[in-house]
Amino acid sequence: MKIYQTDEIRNLSLLGNAGLGKTTLAESMLFEGGVINRRGEVDQKNTVSDYHEIEHDRESSVFSTVLHTEWLGKKINIIDTPGADDFIGGVISALHVTDTGLMLLNAQNGVETGTEIIWRYTESLKKPVVFVINQLDSDSANFEKTLEETKQSFGNKVVLVQYPINPGNDFNAVVDVLLMKMYKWGSEGGKPEIVDIPESEMEKATELHNELVEAAAENDENLMEIFFEKESLTEDEMRAGMRTGIINRELFPVFCVSAKKNMGVRRLMEFLGNVAPTPNQMPCPTDKDGKEVQCDASGATSIFIFKNMIESHLGEVLYFKVMSGTVEEGMDLINTVKQSKERLSQLFVVAGKNRNKVDKLVAGDIGATVKLKDTKTNHTLNEKGYDWAYPAMEFPEPKFRTAIKVLNESDDEKLGEVLHRMHEEDPTVILEYSKELKQLILHGQGEFHLNTVKWHLDKIHKIATEFFAPKIPYRETITKKAQADFRHKKQSGGSGQFGEVYLIIEPFVEGMTDPK
């Protein structure tokens, strides 16, 4: 595979609620880029992204999956994230190492709760967002309602780049107000026919084009001067202004697709290649000491491990982003956490379970390696002589818990080892031994989350377990009113002592006046 330079790389995360078509969009992007020659389907259990057995069983994404494709001289790294809030850990790790979030919306349902939760993470991590309204081919698609909800939820910085001509079962065309052209597809989708905008749509398209031009100009003083002088911008000027707005979270473009029918995907990829920020156009990452690390292929080599996972027939795979420099096969790097040397004997670019060996990867790229002895998620590896250590990814506190015990005592030690490994792969899975309750307590993000742990114990590790409600840690408490008094009196010459104490204790119930 060609070695791409930093300015040729785009790092994307696919975000949004469950059932929005993220995995299907990823499949179409890989197909258009030539990585696969046939698009799989989630219900057929043959997509590149959902390749784990549990994902086939549940017909939904459980893990974040690293993918890559190529389009018009650009390498597009994609991380397809799970939509269920139970697996928010995969979303957080993806956002840490990607530069743009593609936030999918369902044209039938509008903005859903899960989307708003993920939006807050993009805000806290200051990540650019491009909205993609999908499923416009559904009979109940309502584009205008979805767009209105998007603006209400995320503000007026949401700006249309495209709108559909005929949402619903007959959907096959969009007007692109950046290029001022109409894109039409045949029943199989894929390569569109690009035609002039119909006269009936010209007034609406022109108005939206002017809004987009103004939004692009607002992000650059020079462009604003050009806009005031000429009342328009060239296509390149608009792209530059939009890129600045996207990076600064001052502009959130909206695109239209049917991922299932592969309509609009090529144009989306073209836009991402031309306008989405490169890794070195984003703010420089800082290490724990606040030192900036330049995303420069000629700098010292530094990588950040954002995920590790055991893969059958391969062992532990560690996924990393090159933060600086160029990482090469056979290179020795120092783990700043363990202060140990690690040799990267093999380097890969990955698309699901498919791996392609590469000799090197440059700053900003995403890849994988295997067989590191001390390295885990959140670790930094540096070229000798550098002590950068990137802040650890922070994950939410557990929301759900269950007690767990093995049904066969001989599996007790094995259970501990397996759950420890699961925590390394997914830090939101937490195991605790409660000395007070004398129980093993398993914590996670939800019931579905812990059910996937049970599935792995049963199906993969063959450990029979029982999940049950933890004991309640009872405390002594006041159950009824009681009172007492005491008089202290002492007088044996000199100053006397006298005092009275009255004590009333009663249960506090709702509606009582707060004793404070």
Protein backbone atom coordinates (compact mmCIF):
# COMPACT_ATOMS: atom_id res chain seq x y z
CA MET A 1 0.00 0.00 0.00
CA LYS A 2 1.16 3.53 -0.75
CA ILE A 3 2.62 5.48 2.19
CA TYR A 4 0.51 8.61 2.54
CA GLN A 5 1.89 11.90 3.82
CA THR A 6 0.27 13.81 6.67
CA ASP A 7 -1.55 16.28 4.42
CA GLU A 8 -3.04 13.37 2.44
CA ILE A 9 -4.66 11.77 5.51
CA ARG A 10 -8.18 12.29 6.86
CA ASN A 11 -9.21 10.70 10.16
CA LEU A 12 -12.96 10.23 10.66
CA SER A 13 -15.19 8.70 13.31
CA LEU A 14 -18.71 7.54 12.44
CA LEU A 15 -20.98 8.70 15.25
CA GLY A 16 -24.61 8.54 16.26
CA ASN A 17 -27.35 6.49 17.81
CA ALA A 18 -27.84 2.79 17.11
CA GLY A 19 -29.61 1.93 13.86
CA LEU A 20 -28.60 5.04 11.91
CA GLY A 21 -26.62 3.18 9.24
CA LYS A 22 -23.05 3.95 10.34
CA THR A 23 -21.78 0.48 9.48
CA THR A 24 -23.65 0.56 6.16
CA LEU A 25 -22.10 3.94 5.33
CA ALA A 26 -18.65 2.57 6.17
CA GLU A 27 -19.31 -0.38 3.87
CA SER A 28 -20.22 1.95 0.99
CA MET A 29 -17.11 4.09 1.59
CA LEU A 30 -14.86 1.03 1.49
CA PHE A 31 -16.61 -0.17 -1.66
CA GLU A 32 -16.21 3.18 -3.42
CA GLY A 33 -12.53 3.28 -2.44
CA GLY A 34 -11.90 -0.19 -3.87
CA VAL A 35 -11.05 -1.84 -0.54
CA ILE A 36 -13.90 -4.32 -1.10
CA ASN A 37 -15.53 -5.37 -4.37
CA ARG A 38 -18.97 -6.09 -2.93
CA ARG A 39 -20.92 -4.31 -0.21
CA GLY A 40 -21.98 -6.42 2.73
CA GLU A 41 -25.13 -5.97 4.81
CA VAL A 42 -25.58 -5.98 8.57
CA ASP A 43 -28.47 -8.47 8.49
CA GLN A 44 -26.42 -10.74 6.22
CA LYS A 45 -23.58 -10.67 8.80
CA ASN A 46 -20.95 -9.96 6.17
CA THR A 47 -19.87 -6.35 6.72
CA VAL A 48 -16.21 -5.49 7.17
CA SER A 49 -16.87 -3.51 10.34
CA ASP A 50 -19.10 -5.90 12.29
CA TYR A 51 -16.91 -8.99 12.12
CA HIS A 52 -17.13 -10.30 15.69
CA GLU A 53 -19.43 -13.22 16.44
CA ILE A 54 -21.34 -11.26 19.07
CA GLU A 55 -22.06 -8.52 16.51
CA HIS A 56 -23.46 -11.15 14.18
CA ASP A 57 -25.63 -12.49 17.00
CA ARG A 58 -26.93 -9.04 17.99
CA GLU A 59 -26.94 -7.57 14.45
CA SER A 60 -25.42 -4.35 15.78
CA SER A 61 -21.98 -2.93 16.52
CA VAL A 62 -20.49 -3.74 19.92
CA PHE A 63 -16.88 -2.65 19.31
CA SER A 64 -15.37 0.35 17.59
CA THR A 65 -13.71 -0.87 14.38
CA VAL A 66 -10.74 0.69 12.61
CA LEU A 67 -11.05 0.87 8.81
CA HIS A 68 -9.35 2.65 5.95
CA THR A 69 -10.09 3.47 2.35
CA GLU A 70 -8.58 5.60 -0.42
CA TRP A 71 -10.26 8.28 -2.49
CA LEU A 72 -8.80 10.65 -5.08
CA GLY A 73 -5.27 10.50 -3.70
CA LYS A 74 -6.32 10.71 -0.05
CA LYS A 75 -6.21 8.05 2.64
CA ILE A 76 -9.36 8.10 4.75
CA ASN A 77 -9.06 6.39 8.12
CA ILE A 78 -12.48 5.56 9.56
CA ILE A 79 -13.47 4.35 13.02
CA ASP A 80 -16.99 2.92 13.02
CA THR A 81 -18.34 3.32 16.55
CA PRO A 82 -21.17 1.47 18.32
CA GLY A 83 -24.41 3.42 18.68
CA ALA A 84 -25.66 2.05 22.00
CA ASP A 85 -24.75 4.24 24.99
CA ASP A 86 -23.58 1.06 26.76
CA PHE A 87 -20.49 1.11 24.53
CA ILE A 88 -19.61 4.80 24.92
CA GLY A 89 -16.02 3.81 25.68
CA GLY A 90 -15.50 2.95 22.00
CA VAL A 91 -16.86 6.35 20.98
CA ILE A 92 -14.56 8.22 23.36
CA SER A 93 -11.42 6.41 22.20
CA ALA A 94 -12.36 7.03 18.55
CA LEU A 95 -12.90 10.75 19.14
CA HIS A 96 -9.50 11.07 20.81
CA VAL A 97 -7.61 9.99 17.69
CA THR A 98 -9.80 11.20 14.83
CA ASP A 99 -10.03 14.75 13.54
CA THR A 100 -13.62 14.91 12.23
CA GLY A 101 -16.81 13.29 13.45
CA LEU A 102 -19.44 12.25 10.90
CA MET A 103 -22.64 12.52 12.94
CA LEU A 104 -25.35 10.45 11.29
CA LEU A 105 -29.02 11.33 11.62
CA ASN A 106 -32.02 9.23 10.66
CA ALA A 107 -34.31 11.16 8.29
CA GLN A 108 -37.25 9.26 9.79
CA ASN A 109 -36.57 9.92 13.49
CA GLY A 110 -34.62 13.19 13.56
CA VAL A 111 -32.28 13.93 16.46
CA GLU A 112 -32.29 11.12 19.02
CA THR A 113 -31.10 11.04 22.64
CA GLY A 114 -27.96 9.05 21.90
CA THR A 115 -26.90 11.62 19.32
CA GLU A 116 -27.16 14.43 21.88
CA ILE A 117 -25.01 12.45 24.34
CA ILE A 118 -22.29 11.93 21.73
CA TRP A 119 -22.50 15.61 20.70
CA ARG A 120 -21.50 16.58 24.24
CA TYR A 121 -18.35 14.49 23.93
CA THR A 122 -17.47 16.19 20.64
CA GLU A 123 -17.91 19.51 22.44
CA SER A 124 -15.68 18.60 25.37
CA LEU A 125 -12.97 17.25 23.04
CA LYS A 126 -13.41 20.19 20.61
CA LYS A 127 -13.85 17.92 17.59
CA PRO A 128 -15.26 19.15 14.25
CA VAL A 129 -18.58 17.62 13.18
CA VAL A 130 -20.15 17.04 9.76
CA PHE A 131 -23.82 16.01 9.84
CA VAL A 132 -24.95 13.27 7.47
CA ILE A 133 -28.71 12.78 7.10
CA ASN A 134 -29.19 9.15 6.11
CA GLN A 135 -32.12 6.91 5.17
CA LEU A 136 -33.64 9.52 2.88
CA ASP A 137 -34.98 6.61 0.82
CA SER A 138 -37.32 5.53 3.65
CA ASP A 139 -41.03 5.98 3.07
CA SER A 140 -41.38 8.06 6.26
CA ALA A 141 -38.31 10.24 5.64
CA ASN A 142 -38.90 13.85 6.66
CA PHE A 143 -35.88 15.95 5.72
CA GLU A 144 -37.26 19.35 6.74
CA LYS A 145 -38.27 18.13 10.21
CA THR A 146 -34.87 16.48 10.72
CA LEU A 147 -33.05 19.63 9.64
CA GLU A 148 -35.18 21.80 11.93
CA GLU A 149 -34.49 19.51 14.91
CA THR A 150 -30.78 19.56 14.09
CA LYS A 151 -30.67 23.36 14.17
CA GLN A 152 -32.75 23.47 17.34
CA SER A 153 -30.46 20.97 19.08
CA PHE A 154 -27.07 22.14 17.81
CA GLY A 155 -27.56 25.78 16.83
CA ASN A 156 -27.57 27.98 13.75
CA LYS A 157 -24.00 27.05 12.86
CA VAL A 158 -25.59 24.01 11.20
CA VAL A 159 -25.46 24.89 7.48
CA LEU A 160 -26.86 23.00 4.48
CA VAL A 161 -24.50 21.85 1.75
CA GLN A 162 -27.12 19.61 0.14
CA TYR A 163 -30.86 19.07 0.22
CA PRO A 164 -32.89 16.21 -1.29
CA ILE A 165 -35.26 16.71 -4.21
CA ASN A 166 -37.53 13.79 -3.47
CA PRO A 167 -37.06 12.17 -0.04
CA GLY A 168 -38.98 8.92 0.36
CA ASN A 169 -39.16 5.66 -1.55
CA ASP A 170 -38.29 7.40 -4.83
CA PHE A 171 -35.28 9.31 -3.48
CA ASN A 172 -32.59 9.59 -6.15
CA ALA A 173 -31.41 13.22 -6.32
CA VAL A 174 -29.90 16.03 -4.23
CA VAL A 175 -29.07 19.65 -4.95
CA ASP A 176 -25.52 20.56 -3.92
CA VAL A 177 -25.46 24.26 -3.04
CA LEU A 178 -21.66 24.36 -2.72
CA LEU A 179 -21.09 23.24 -6.32
CA MET A 180 -24.51 24.48 -7.52
CA LYS A 181 -25.23 21.22 -9.32
CA MET A 182 -27.79 18.45 -8.99
CA TYR A 183 -26.66 14.86 -8.39
CA LYS A 184 -28.89 12.06 -9.70
CA TRP A 185 -28.51 8.30 -9.25
CA GLY A 186 -29.80 5.20 -10.88
CA SER A 187 -31.41 2.45 -8.83
CA GLU A 188 -28.00 0.93 -7.96
CA GLY A 189 -26.53 4.21 -6.65
CA GLY A 190 -22.77 4.63 -7.03
CA LYS A 191 -21.51 7.11 -9.61
CA PRO A 192 -24.00 9.96 -10.01
CA GLU A 193 -25.07 11.91 -13.04
CA ILE A 194 -24.18 15.56 -12.41
CA VAL A 195 -26.64 17.94 -14.09
CA ASP A 196 -27.75 21.56 -13.92
CA ILE A 197 -30.16 22.51 -11.16
CA PRO A 198 -33.75 22.57 -12.48
CA GLU A 199 -35.32 26.00 -12.88
CA SER A 200 -37.92 25.07 -10.28
CA GLU A 201 -35.17 24.68 -7.65
CA MET A 202 -32.90 27.54 -8.67
CA GLU A 203 -34.33 30.21 -6.37
CA LYS A 204 -34.10 27.97 -3.29
CA ALA A 205 -30.62 26.71 -4.25
CA THR A 206 -29.31 30.25 -4.83
CA GLU A 207 -30.59 31.42 -1.46
CA LEU A 208 -28.95 28.47 0.31
CA HIS A 209 -25.75 28.96 -1.69
CA ASN A 210 -25.55 32.57 -0.52
CA GLU A 211 -26.07 31.47 3.09
CA LEU A 212 -23.22 28.98 2.69
CA VAL A 213 -20.94 31.60 1.10
CA GLU A 214 -21.62 33.98 3.97
CA ALA A 215 -21.01 31.26 6.57
CA ALA A 216 -17.69 30.37 4.91
CA ALA A 217 -16.60 34.02 4.71
CA GLU A 218 -17.37 34.68 8.38
CA ASN A 219 -14.48 32.45 9.42
CA ASP A 220 -11.71 34.40 7.67
CA GLU A 221 -11.21 38.18 7.63
CA ASN A 222 -9.62 38.11 4.17
CA LEU A 223 -12.52 36.11 2.79
CA MET A 224 -14.98 38.49 4.42
CA GLU A 225 -13.33 41.42 2.62
CA ILE A 226 -13.49 39.54 -0.69
CA PHE A 227 -17.14 38.70 -0.02
CA PHE A 228 -18.04 42.34 0.70
CA GLU A 229 -16.19 43.45 -2.42
CA LYS A 230 -17.42 40.81 -4.89
CA GLU A 231 -20.51 39.46 -3.06
CA SER A 232 -19.29 35.96 -3.87
CA LEU A 233 -16.40 33.55 -3.33
CA THR A 234 -14.67 31.09 -5.63
CA GLU A 235 -15.08 27.39 -4.95
CA ASP A 236 -11.54 27.20 -3.49
CA GLU A 237 -12.17 30.24 -1.28
CA MET A 238 -15.37 28.66 0.00
CA ARG A 239 -13.56 25.42 0.80
CA ALA A 240 -10.86 27.30 2.72
CA GLY A 241 -13.44 29.26 4.70
CA MET A 242 -15.49 26.17 5.43
CA ARG A 243 -12.40 24.28 6.59
CA THR A 244 -11.54 27.04 9.07
CA GLY A 245 -15.13 27.10 10.32
CA ILE A 246 -15.23 23.32 10.67
CA ILE A 247 -11.95 23.22 12.64
CA ASN A 248 -13.14 25.99 14.99
CA ARG A 249 -16.60 24.43 15.41
CA GLU A 250 -18.12 27.55 13.90
CA LEU A 251 -19.66 25.65 10.98
CA PHE A 252 -21.33 22.24 10.82
CA PRO A 253 -22.10 21.19 7.22
CA VAL A 254 -25.08 18.97 6.41
CA PHE A 255 -24.93 16.25 3.71
CA CYS A 256 -27.61 13.90 2.36
CA VAL A 257 -27.14 10.19 1.65
CA SER A 258 -28.78 6.84 1.35
CA ALA A 259 -26.00 4.60 2.64
CA LYS A 260 -28.03 1.48 1.84
CA LYS A 261 -28.46 2.45 -1.83
CA ASN A 262 -24.99 4.04 -2.02
CA MET A 263 -26.35 7.43 -3.02
CA GLY A 264 -24.37 10.52 -2.05
CA VAL A 265 -21.41 8.62 -0.64
CA ARG A 266 -18.93 9.56 -3.39
CA ARG A 267 -19.72 13.26 -3.08
CA LEU A 268 -19.39 13.05 0.72
CA MET A 269 -15.95 11.41 0.37
CA GLU A 270 -14.91 14.05 -2.16
CA PHE A 271 -15.88 16.82 0.27
CA LEU A 272 -14.03 15.15 3.14
CA GLY A 273 -10.92 14.79 1.00
CA ASN A 274 -11.04 18.43 -0.12
CA VAL A 275 -12.32 20.23 2.98
CA ALA A 276 -12.08 18.12 6.15
CA PRO A 277 -8.98 19.01 8.21
CA THR A 278 -5.74 17.08 7.92
CA PRO A 279 -4.12 15.95 11.20
CA ASN A 280 -1.59 18.80 11.07
CA GLN A 281 -4.31 21.41 10.55
CA MET A 282 -5.86 20.55 13.90
CA PRO A 283 -4.60 22.08 17.17
CA CYS A 284 -1.40 20.38 18.34
CA PRO A 285 -1.88 17.73 21.02
CA THR A 286 -0.25 18.38 24.38
CA ASP A 287 1.36 15.94 26.75
CA LYS A 288 0.62 15.68 30.49
CA ASP A 289 2.99 18.58 31.18
CA GLY A 290 1.22 20.82 28.69
CA LYS A 291 3.99 20.66 26.08
CA GLU A 292 2.75 20.87 22.50
CA VAL A 293 3.73 18.03 20.17
CA GLN A 294 3.86 19.01 16.50
CA CYS A 295 2.16 16.62 14.07
CA ASP A 296 5.24 16.57 11.85
CA ALA A 297 6.55 13.53 9.99
CA SER A 298 10.13 14.83 10.30
CA GLY A 299 9.91 15.18 14.10
CA ALA A 300 10.74 12.68 16.82
CA THR A 301 8.61 9.53 16.67
CA SER A 302 5.77 9.27 19.17
CA ILE A 303 2.65 7.08 19.13
CA PHE A 304 -0.42 6.84 21.37
CA ILE A 305 -2.19 3.51 21.99
CA PHE A 306 -5.95 4.05 21.92
CA LYS A 307 -7.16 0.46 21.82
CA ASN A 308 -5.98 -3.09 22.39
CA MET A 309 -7.87 -6.28 21.65
CA ILE A 310 -7.24 -10.02 21.54
CA GLU A 311 -7.85 -11.38 18.04
CA SER A 312 -8.10 -15.09 17.31
CA HIS A 313 -5.04 -16.60 15.59
CA LEU A 314 -3.10 -13.36 16.09
CA GLY A 315 -3.00 -12.54 19.79
CA GLU A 316 -3.13 -9.02 21.14
CA VAL A 317 -3.50 -6.27 18.54
CA LEU A 318 -2.66 -2.71 19.60
CA TYR A 319 -4.12 0.20 17.66
CA PHE A 320 -2.24 3.49 17.64
CA LYS A 321 -2.10 6.97 16.19
CA VAL A 322 1.24 8.40 15.10
CA MET A 323 1.35 11.68 17.01
CA SER A 324 4.71 12.81 15.66
CA GLY A 325 7.51 11.59 13.42
CA THR A 326 7.51 8.42 11.34
CA VAL A 327 7.14 4.94 12.81
CA GLU A 328 8.92 2.16 10.93
CA GLU A 329 8.81 -1.61 11.10
CA GLY A 330 11.48 -2.92 13.48
CA MET A 331 11.77 0.39 15.34
CA ASP A 332 12.46 0.41 19.10
CA LEU A 333 10.39 2.84 21.17
CA ILE A 334 10.24 3.55 24.90
CA ASN A 335 7.02 3.04 26.85
CA THR A 336 6.79 6.13 29.09
CA VAL A 337 4.50 4.37 31.59
CA LYS A 338 6.56 1.20 32.05
CA GLN A 339 9.94 2.74 31.10
CA SER A 340 10.55 -0.34 28.98
CA LYS A 341 11.70 -0.78 25.39
CA GLU A 342 9.21 -2.12 22.84
CA ARG A 343 10.11 -3.32 19.36
CA LEU A 344 7.47 -2.78 16.67
CA SER A 345 8.27 -5.89 14.67
CA GLN A 346 5.20 -5.56 12.43
CA LEU A 347 3.07 -2.63 11.27
CA PHE A 348 -0.37 -2.87 9.70
CA VAL A 349 -3.15 -0.76 8.30
CA VAL A 350 -6.45 -2.44 9.05
CA ALA A 351 -9.98 -2.74 7.75
CA GLY A 352 -11.87 -4.77 10.33
CA LYS A 353 -10.17 -8.14 10.62
CA ASN A 354 -8.24 -7.59 7.39
CA ARG A 355 -4.66 -6.37 7.80
CA ASN A 356 -2.16 -5.09 5.25
CA LYS A 357 1.50 -4.89 6.22
CA VAL A 358 3.28 -1.58 5.73
CA ASP A 359 6.89 -0.53 6.23
CA LYS A 360 6.12 2.78 7.89
CA LEU A 361 3.40 5.25 8.87
CA VAL A 362 3.80 9.01 9.21
CA ALA A 363 2.51 11.59 11.69
CA GLY A 364 -1.29 11.69 11.79
CA ASP A 365 -1.83 8.17 10.45
CA ILE A 366 -3.56 5.32 12.27
CA GLY A 367 -2.27 1.75 12.31
CA ALA A 368 -1.81 -1.39 14.38
CA THR A 369 0.94 -3.62 15.70
CA VAL A 370 1.18 -6.88 17.64
CA LYS A 371 3.20 -8.67 20.33
CA LEU A 372 4.21 -5.78 22.56
CA LYS A 373 5.12 -7.05 26.01
CA ASP A 374 4.17 -4.20 28.37
CA THR A 375 2.01 -1.81 26.37
CA LYS A 376 -1.74 -1.26 26.81
CA THR A 377 -4.43 1.31 26.03
CA ASN A 378 -3.54 4.90 27.06
CA HIS A 379 0.21 4.24 26.88
CA THR A 380 2.63 6.48 24.97
CA LEU A 381 5.65 5.13 23.08
CA ASN A 382 8.43 7.54 22.15
CA GLU A 383 11.70 7.64 20.35
CA LYS A 384 14.59 7.36 22.84
CA GLY A 385 15.40 10.70 24.43
CA TYR A 386 11.82 12.02 24.52
CA ASP A 387 9.49 11.83 27.51
CA TRP A 388 6.16 12.89 26.06
CA ALA A 389 3.21 11.22 27.78
CA TYR A 390 -0.26 12.02 26.47
CA PRO A 391 -3.14 12.40 28.95
CA ALA A 392 -5.10 9.21 29.49
CA MET A 393 -8.54 9.04 27.93
CA GLU A 394 -11.22 9.61 30.54
CA PHE A 395 -14.27 7.36 30.63
CA PRO A 396 -17.61 7.87 32.41
CA GLU A 397 -18.38 6.34 35.77
CA PRO A 398 -20.31 3.03 35.70
CA LYS A 399 -24.10 3.24 35.55
CA PHE A 400 -25.02 -0.40 36.17
CA ARG A 401 -23.71 -3.23 38.33
CA THR A 402 -24.25 -6.89 39.02
CA ALA A 403 -22.83 -9.50 41.34
CA ILE A 404 -21.07 -12.37 39.60
CA LYS A 405 -19.94 -15.84 40.64
CA VAL A 406 -18.62 -18.92 38.86
CA LEU A 407 -20.70 -22.08 38.88
CA ASN A 408 -17.56 -24.20 38.95
CA GLU A 409 -15.04 -23.20 41.64
CA SER A 410 -12.15 -24.38 39.47
CA ASP A 411 -12.92 -21.46 37.11
CA ASP A 412 -12.49 -18.85 39.84
CA GLU A 413 -8.93 -17.85 38.95
CA LYS A 414 -9.64 -17.99 35.23
CA LEU A 415 -12.62 -15.65 35.68
CA GLY A 416 -10.43 -13.03 37.33
CA GLU A 417 -7.86 -13.23 34.53
CA VAL A 418 -10.49 -12.96 31.79
CA LEU A 419 -12.29 -10.02 33.38
CA HIS A 420 -8.96 -8.23 33.92
CA ARG A 421 -8.23 -8.67 30.21
CA MET A 422 -11.72 -7.42 29.32
CA HIS A 423 -11.06 -4.29 31.40
CA GLU A 424 -7.82 -3.70 29.49
CA GLU A 425 -9.75 -3.91 26.21
CA ASP A 426 -12.72 -1.89 27.49
CA PRO A 427 -11.88 0.33 30.50
CA THR A 428 -15.60 0.90 31.16
CA VAL A 429 -15.83 -2.75 32.34
CA ILE A 430 -14.75 -2.64 35.99
CA LEU A 431 -14.42 -5.55 38.44
CA GLU A 432 -14.51 -4.95 42.19
CA TYR A 433 -14.34 -7.29 45.16
CA SER A 434 -16.54 -5.87 47.92
CA LYS A 435 -15.05 -6.76 51.29
CA GLU A 436 -18.22 -5.57 52.98
CA LEU A 437 -20.54 -7.75 50.88
CA LYS A 438 -17.98 -10.49 50.24
CA GLN A 439 -19.05 -10.50 46.59
CA LEU A 440 -17.49 -9.89 43.19
CA ILE A 441 -19.23 -6.87 41.68
CA LEU A 442 -19.08 -6.19 37.94
CA HIS A 443 -19.67 -2.59 36.85
CA GLY A 444 -20.55 -1.33 33.37
CA GLN A 445 -22.43 1.28 31.37
CA GLY A 446 -25.72 -0.60 31.19
CA GLU A 447 -27.47 -3.96 31.25
CA PHE A 448 -26.72 -4.56 27.55
CA HIS A 449 -23.05 -3.82 28.24
CA LEU A 450 -22.82 -6.41 31.01
CA ASN A 451 -24.83 -8.90 28.95
CA THR A 452 -22.06 -8.77 26.34
CA VAL A 453 -19.56 -9.62 29.09
CA LYS A 454 -21.73 -12.62 30.01
CA TRP A 455 -21.90 -13.61 26.34
CA HIS A 456 -18.09 -13.63 26.10
CA LEU A 457 -17.70 -15.62 29.30
CA ASP A 458 -20.21 -18.22 28.08
CA LYS A 459 -19.36 -18.46 24.38
CA ILE A 460 -15.67 -17.59 24.07
CA HIS A 461 -14.08 -18.47 27.40
CA LYS A 462 -16.45 -21.31 28.37
CA ILE A 463 -16.80 -20.07 31.95
CA ALA A 464 -20.23 -20.78 33.43
CA THR A 465 -21.27 -17.86 35.63
CA GLU A 466 -24.30 -16.48 37.37
CA PHE A 467 -25.16 -12.78 37.34
CA PHE A 468 -27.45 -11.67 40.17
CA ALA A 469 -28.43 -8.62 42.19
CA PRO A 470 -25.74 -7.58 44.69
CA LYS A 471 -26.55 -7.72 48.39
CA ILE A 472 -27.81 -4.51 49.94
CA PRO A 473 -25.25 -3.06 52.38
CA TYR A 474 -27.56 -2.46 55.33
CA ARG A 475 -26.75 0.34 57.76
CA GLU A 476 -28.09 1.05 61.26
CA THR A 477 -30.77 3.72 61.06
CA ILE A 478 -33.31 5.46 63.24
CA THR A 479 -36.73 3.83 63.05
CA LYS A 480 -38.76 5.68 65.74
CA LYS A 481 -38.76 8.81 67.83
CA ALA A 482 -36.85 8.82 71.15
CA GLN A 483 -35.87 11.50 73.62
CA ALA A 484 -33.76 11.91 76.76
CA ASP A 485 -32.52 14.65 79.04
CA PHE A 486 -29.66 15.06 81.49
CA ARG A 487 -28.91 17.60 84.19
CA HIS A 488 -25.33 18.28 85.29
CA LYS A 489 -24.92 19.99 88.65
CA LYS A 490 -21.71 20.37 90.64
CA GLN A 491 -21.14 22.74 93.53
CA SER A 492 -18.39 22.03 96.05
CA GLY A 493 -16.96 25.41 96.75
CA GLY A 494 -15.82 28.02 94.32
CA SER A 495 -17.56 28.39 90.98
CA GLY A 496 -20.40 25.97 90.49
CA GLN A 497 -21.25 23.98 87.34
CA PHE A 498 -24.71 23.54 85.98
CA GLY A 499 -26.08 22.41 82.62
CA GLU A 500 -29.07 20.67 81.08
CA VAL A 501 -29.12 18.74 77.79
CA TYR A 502 -32.29 17.70 75.96
CA LEU A 503 -31.90 15.23 73.05
CA ILE A 504 -34.66 14.30 70.61
CA ILE A 505 -34.04 11.80 67.79
CA GLU A 506 -36.59 10.87 65.16
CA PRO A 507 -36.55 9.57 61.54
CA PHE A 508 -36.46 12.26 58.86
CA VAL A 509 -39.29 11.75 56.40
CA GLU A 510 -40.19 13.59 53.23
CA GLY A 511 -42.10 16.78 53.92
CA MET A 512 -40.50 17.52 57.28
CA THR A 513 -38.75 20.82 57.88
CA ASP A 514 -35.03 20.48 57.28
CA PRO A 515 -33.36 20.66 60.73
CA LYS A 516 -30.63 22.82 59.18
